[in-house]
Protein backbone atom coordinates (compact mmCIF):
# COMPACT_ATOMS: atom_id res chain seq x y z
CA MET A 1 0.02 -0.02 -0.01
CA GLN A 2 1.64 3.23 -1.14
CA ALA A 3 1.32 6.51 0.71
CA ILE A 4 -1.11 9.09 -0.72
CA ARG A 5 -0.09 12.75 -0.64
CA SER A 6 -2.77 15.33 -1.06
CA ALA A 7 -3.69 18.84 0.17
CA GLY A 8 -0.88 18.97 2.74
CA LEU A 9 -1.65 15.49 4.10
CA VAL A 10 0.07 12.11 3.95
CA LEU A 11 -2.14 9.02 4.18
CA ARG A 12 -0.12 5.90 4.87
CA ALA A 13 -0.19 2.55 6.59
CA PHE A 14 0.34 2.61 10.35
CA GLU A 15 3.75 1.78 11.77
CA ASP A 16 4.27 0.58 15.28
CA SER A 17 6.11 3.83 16.06
CA ASP A 18 2.76 5.66 15.49
CA ALA A 19 1.20 4.04 18.57
CA GLU A 20 2.06 6.82 21.00
CA GLY A 21 0.68 9.58 18.72
CA PHE A 22 -2.40 7.56 17.90
CA ALA A 23 -3.16 6.85 21.55
CA ALA A 24 -2.65 10.51 22.54
CA ALA A 25 -4.98 11.59 19.67
CA ALA A 26 -7.64 9.06 20.77
CA ARG A 27 -7.57 10.24 24.37
CA GLU A 28 -7.66 13.87 23.34
CA SER A 29 -10.68 13.17 21.09
CA ALA A 30 -12.83 11.14 23.46
CA ALA A 31 -15.37 13.94 23.82
CA SER A 32 -15.78 14.66 20.11
CA VAL A 33 -15.10 11.29 18.45
CA GLY A 34 -16.04 8.91 21.28
CA PRO A 35 -19.86 9.44 21.05
CA TRP A 36 -19.67 7.97 17.51
CA MET A 37 -16.77 5.58 17.74
CA SER A 38 -16.91 3.61 20.97
CA TRP A 39 -13.18 2.69 20.87
CA CYS A 40 -12.21 6.36 21.28
CA GLN A 41 -12.08 6.68 25.06
CA PRO A 42 -9.92 8.50 27.69
CA ALA A 43 -8.26 5.21 28.64
CA PHE A 44 -7.12 4.36 25.06
CA SER A 45 -3.49 3.02 25.33
CA GLU A 46 -0.53 2.52 23.11
CA GLN A 47 -1.23 -1.22 23.44
CA ASP A 48 -4.74 -0.62 22.10
CA ALA A 49 -3.16 1.25 19.12
CA LEU A 50 -0.75 -1.59 18.44
CA HIS A 51 -3.61 -4.09 18.49
CA TRP A 52 -5.53 -1.92 15.96
CA PHE A 53 -2.41 -1.74 13.72
CA GLN A 54 -2.24 -5.56 13.76
CA LEU A 55 -5.90 -5.70 12.66
CA CYS A 56 -5.16 -3.21 9.97
CA ARG A 57 -2.32 -5.35 8.63
CA ALA A 58 -4.50 -8.44 8.70
CA GLY A 59 -7.28 -6.62 6.81
CA LEU A 60 -4.74 -5.54 4.17
CA ALA A 61 -3.36 -9.07 3.87
CA SER A 62 -6.86 -10.56 3.47
CA GLY A 63 -7.95 -7.83 1.00
CA THR A 64 -10.83 -6.67 3.21
CA ALA A 65 -9.42 -3.28 4.33
CA HIS A 66 -6.98 -0.53 3.45
CA GLU A 67 -6.50 1.50 6.66
CA PHE A 68 -4.51 4.72 6.70
CA GLY A 69 -3.07 7.07 9.27
CA ILE A 70 -3.56 10.70 8.42
CA PHE A 71 -0.48 12.91 8.94
CA SER A 72 0.49 16.49 8.28
CA LEU A 73 2.89 16.62 5.34
CA ALA A 74 4.69 19.61 6.82
CA THR A 75 5.00 18.56 10.47
CA HIS A 76 4.36 14.78 10.35
CA GLU A 77 1.84 15.26 13.20
CA PHE A 78 -0.71 12.40 13.53
CA LEU A 79 -4.10 13.93 12.66
CA GLY A 80 -6.44 10.90 12.56
CA GLY A 81 -7.34 7.77 10.69
CA ALA A 82 -9.35 6.72 7.65
CA GLY A 83 -10.03 3.49 5.89
CA LEU A 84 -11.57 1.72 2.96
CA ASN A 85 -12.95 -1.41 4.66
CA SER A 86 -15.66 -4.04 4.48
CA ILE A 87 -14.41 -4.48 0.93
CA ASN A 88 -16.76 -6.66 -1.06
CA GLN A 89 -14.85 -8.06 -4.05
CA GLN A 90 -17.92 -9.81 -5.53
CA HIS A 91 -20.01 -6.68 -5.85
CA LEU A 92 -17.11 -4.14 -5.88
CA PHE A 93 -18.17 -1.87 -3.04
CA CYS A 94 -16.67 -0.82 0.28
CA ASN A 95 -17.11 1.47 3.28
CA LEU A 96 -15.11 4.63 3.77
CA GLY A 97 -14.71 5.66 7.41
CA TYR A 98 -12.70 8.51 8.94
CA TRP A 99 -11.96 10.32 12.18
CA VAL A 100 -9.91 13.39 12.99
CA ARG A 101 -8.31 14.24 16.31
CA GLN A 102 -10.03 17.05 18.21
CA THR A 103 -7.26 19.63 17.74
CA ALA A 104 -7.31 19.17 14.01
CA GLN A 105 -11.05 19.20 13.47
CA ARG A 106 -12.79 21.85 11.42
CA ARG A 107 -9.69 22.41 9.25
CA GLY A 108 -10.71 20.34 6.18
CA VAL A 109 -8.68 17.27 7.16
CA ALA A 110 -11.58 14.83 6.87
CA LEU A 111 -12.82 16.32 3.63
CA HIS A 112 -9.39 16.29 2.02
CA THR A 113 -8.85 12.73 3.22
CA VAL A 114 -12.14 11.53 1.69
CA GLN A 115 -11.30 13.38 -1.53
CA ALA A 116 -7.98 11.54 -1.69
CA LEU A 117 -9.38 8.10 -0.86
CA LEU A 118 -12.30 8.12 -3.28
CA PRO A 119 -10.02 8.03 -6.43
CA TYR A 120 -7.89 5.36 -4.71
CA ALA A 121 -10.99 3.22 -4.11
CA PHE A 122 -12.10 3.50 -7.77
CA SER A 123 -8.77 3.35 -9.61
CA GLN A 124 -6.53 1.20 -7.31
CA LEU A 125 -9.11 -1.04 -5.72
CA GLY A 126 -11.57 -1.18 -8.67
CA MET A 127 -14.56 -0.36 -6.52
CA GLN A 128 -17.84 0.64 -8.24
CA ARG A 129 -19.44 2.02 -5.09
CA VAL A 130 -18.15 3.60 -1.87
CA GLU A 131 -20.48 3.98 1.08
CA ILE A 132 -20.11 6.39 3.93
CA VAL A 133 -22.23 5.20 6.85
CA VAL A 134 -22.92 7.88 9.47
CA ALA A 135 -24.77 7.42 12.79
CA LEU A 136 -27.78 9.75 12.98
CA GLY A 137 -26.75 12.87 14.84
CA ASN A 138 -23.13 12.87 13.79
CA MET A 139 -23.41 16.13 11.94
CA PRO A 140 -19.71 16.69 11.28
CA SER A 141 -19.31 13.34 9.47
CA GLU A 142 -22.53 13.88 7.61
CA GLY A 143 -21.28 17.29 6.49
CA VAL A 144 -18.08 15.74 5.11
CA ALA A 145 -20.07 13.11 3.21
CA ARG A 146 -22.22 15.82 1.62
CA LYS A 147 -19.30 18.11 0.78
CA CYS A 148 -17.44 15.31 -1.01
CA GLY A 149 -20.45 14.72 -3.26
CA ALA A 150 -21.84 11.59 -1.68
CA GLN A 151 -25.58 11.19 -2.14
CA LEU A 152 -27.84 10.32 0.77
CA GLU A 153 -29.62 7.11 -0.21
CA GLY A 154 -31.57 6.59 3.01
CA VAL A 155 -31.54 5.81 6.68
CA ALA A 156 -30.99 2.24 7.78
CA ARG A 157 -32.38 1.13 11.15
CA ASN A 158 -29.97 -0.59 13.61
CA ARG A 159 -27.13 -0.11 11.06
CA LEU A 160 -24.31 0.67 13.51
CA GLN A 161 -23.31 -0.34 17.03
CA VAL A 162 -22.31 2.60 19.14
CA GLY A 163 -21.49 1.91 22.75
CA GLY A 164 -23.09 -1.54 22.47
CA VAL A 165 -26.38 -0.06 21.25
CA ALA A 166 -27.83 -0.48 17.78
CA VAL A 167 -28.40 2.94 16.19
CA PRO A 168 -29.79 4.12 12.85
CA ALA A 169 -27.38 5.49 10.32
CA SER A 170 -27.51 7.59 7.13
CA ILE A 171 -26.18 5.76 4.09
CA PHE A 172 -24.31 7.96 1.70
CA ALA A 173 -22.74 6.65 -1.50
CA VAL A 174 -20.39 7.73 -4.20
CA VAL A 175 -20.13 5.93 -7.53
CA PRO A 176 -17.88 6.69 -10.45
CA ARG A 177 -19.58 8.39 -13.31
CA SER A 178 -19.93 6.12 -16.33
CA ALA A 179 -21.61 6.16 -19.73
CA PRO A 180 -24.39 3.65 -18.86
CA GLU A 181 -25.12 5.59 -15.65
CA LEU A 182 -25.41 8.83 -17.58
CA GLU A 183 -27.69 7.30 -20.18
CA LEU A 184 -30.01 6.12 -17.43
CA GLY A 185 -30.10 9.63 -15.98
CA LEU A 186 -28.55 8.54 -12.70
CA GLY A 187 -26.22 10.97 -10.88
CA ARG A 188 -23.22 10.54 -8.70
């Protein structure tokens, strides 16, 4: 998996040396990210980060996930994480998820990350559909999905587990534009 450089960011595979920065970012972001991603808690440790990195490597090896750390190109600071996961090779679709540490939020990091990963999903992974699944009420993530051009296709009941509770989620999707799609009058 090659690093992706775009808009002042570097998206790359996690290295074990990233564990300290990842854990610090998770602890810092418990109030803003934790309500939507249950793993992001004040007690998140470097060992938790290393375990996640192992899962990321296993997902890459099995072809089910491409997980990236988000870093500042200028300072190399860890800014968050993003991934193309739940890859379905039969039907050529995947999920795109993202989170940004609290001190880097509202600076376009998530939007630029999504804008960099969509072409990767379509050209490198051969996907024909990328879904962004957002728990109802997570307005920042919903805003990123809308800004990147994803279309809201509906709300699915009990779609995500947040804190051990099934919650509804908005399903956004992006598809590459193609001639058959344009002939049918379907949009992006």
